[in-house]
Amino acid sequence: MTLRVKLLSRAGTLGELTTTIGRAGGDIGAIDIISATRDSIIRDVTVNAASSTHVQEIVNAVHDIDGVEVINVSDRTFLMHIGGKIESSQRCL
């Protein structure tokens, strides 16, 4: 899954986020900066989870962190289909 989160610009917030994900059993694959302002930073955090139930457990744990707002949660299957499906067509001769 990919979590899009908004973190307050405060020392330790990213560390708290990653620790919480790890304690919930999530395996972080990547952390990308989407945008940053003086007061906050938006990041995409890619996390491997065992199941959809496990994803929800991780998301619930992240929701409880002070200074972190979950903006969006996307799963890998959804992300692979952004932009449409591959189209096949038949040519008539």
Protein backbone atom coordinates (compact mmCIF):
# COMPACT_ATOMS: atom_id res chain seq x y z
CA MET A 1 0.00 0.00 0.00
CA THR A 2 0.98 3.63 -0.28
CA LEU A 3 0.06 6.02 2.50
CA ARG A 4 -0.05 9.70 1.63
CA VAL A 5 0.48 11.52 4.90
CA LYS A 6 0.86 15.12 6.01
CA LEU A 7 3.41 15.56 8.79
CA LEU A 8 3.84 18.66 10.87
CA SER A 9 7.31 20.17 10.48
CA ARG A 10 8.46 19.09 13.90
CA ALA A 11 11.57 17.14 14.83
CA GLY A 12 10.84 13.47 15.36
CA THR A 13 7.54 13.24 13.47
CA LEU A 14 8.93 11.13 10.62
CA GLY A 15 10.71 8.89 13.11
CA GLU A 16 7.51 8.39 15.05
CA LEU A 17 5.68 7.51 11.84
CA THR A 18 8.25 4.93 10.74
CA THR A 19 8.47 3.43 14.24
CA THR A 20 4.68 3.10 14.42
CA ILE A 21 4.54 1.38 11.03
CA GLY A 22 7.33 -0.98 12.06
CA ARG A 23 5.70 -1.83 15.38
CA ALA A 24 2.50 -2.63 13.51
CA GLY A 25 4.47 -5.11 11.39
CA GLY A 26 4.65 -3.02 8.22
CA ASP A 27 7.75 -3.20 6.02
CA ILE A 28 8.58 0.25 4.60
CA GLY A 29 9.81 0.13 1.02
CA ALA A 30 10.10 3.82 0.15
CA ILE A 31 9.40 7.30 1.44
CA ASP A 32 8.93 10.08 -1.11
CA ILE A 33 8.42 13.81 -0.58
CA ILE A 34 5.41 15.11 -2.50
CA SER A 35 5.42 18.70 -1.29
CA ALA A 36 6.74 20.76 1.59
CA THR A 37 5.87 24.04 3.22
CA ARG A 38 7.26 25.81 6.23
CA ASP A 39 4.67 24.15 8.49
CA SER A 40 4.24 20.66 7.03
CA ILE A 41 5.46 18.07 4.55
CA ILE A 42 3.43 15.63 2.49
CA ARG A 43 5.02 12.24 1.91
CA ASP A 44 4.10 9.00 0.19
CA VAL A 45 5.14 6.02 2.30
CA THR A 46 5.12 2.66 0.53
CA VAL A 47 4.52 -0.19 2.97
CA ASN A 48 4.32 -3.95 2.46
CA ALA A 49 1.60 -5.60 4.54
CA ALA A 50 0.47 -9.20 4.88
CA SER A 51 -3.23 -8.68 4.09
CA SER A 52 -5.99 -6.10 3.77
CA THR A 53 -6.68 -6.58 7.49
CA HIS A 54 -3.02 -5.87 8.22
CA VAL A 55 -3.21 -2.72 6.06
CA GLN A 56 -6.13 -1.49 8.16
CA GLU A 57 -4.23 -2.19 11.38
CA ILE A 58 -1.29 -0.12 10.13
CA VAL A 59 -3.54 2.73 8.98
CA ASN A 60 -5.33 2.74 12.36
CA ALA A 61 -2.00 2.95 14.18
CA VAL A 62 -0.85 5.85 11.97
CA HIS A 63 -4.14 7.70 12.60
CA ASP A 64 -3.27 7.77 16.30
CA ILE A 65 0.00 9.71 15.82
CA ASP A 66 -0.15 13.34 16.92
CA GLY A 67 1.05 15.60 14.10
CA VAL A 68 0.36 13.07 11.30
CA GLU A 69 -2.71 13.21 9.06
CA VAL A 70 -3.53 10.34 6.70
CA ILE A 71 -4.59 11.93 3.42
CA ASN A 72 -5.01 8.82 1.29
CA VAL A 73 -4.39 5.08 1.25
CA SER A 74 -3.86 3.31 -2.09
CA ASP A 75 -3.21 -0.35 -2.66
CA ARG A 76 -0.78 -1.75 -5.22
CA THR A 77 -3.52 -3.14 -7.50
CA PHE A 78 -5.25 0.25 -7.69
CA LEU A 79 -1.97 2.03 -8.44
CA MET A 80 -1.12 -0.38 -11.28
CA HIS A 81 -4.39 0.53 -13.04
CA ILE A 82 -4.01 4.32 -12.94
CA GLY A 83 -4.13 5.59 -16.51
CA GLY A 84 -6.45 2.90 -17.80
CA LYS A 85 -6.30 -0.67 -18.94
CA ILE A 86 -4.40 -2.14 -21.84
CA GLU A 87 -6.72 -2.21 -24.80
CA SER A 88 -6.97 -5.02 -27.31
CA SER A 89 -8.79 -4.71 -30.57
CA GLN A 90 -9.60 -6.96 -33.48
CA ARG A 91 -8.78 -5.93 -37.01
CA CYS A 92 -11.17 -6.97 -39.73
CA LEU A 93 -9.59 -7.78 -43.07
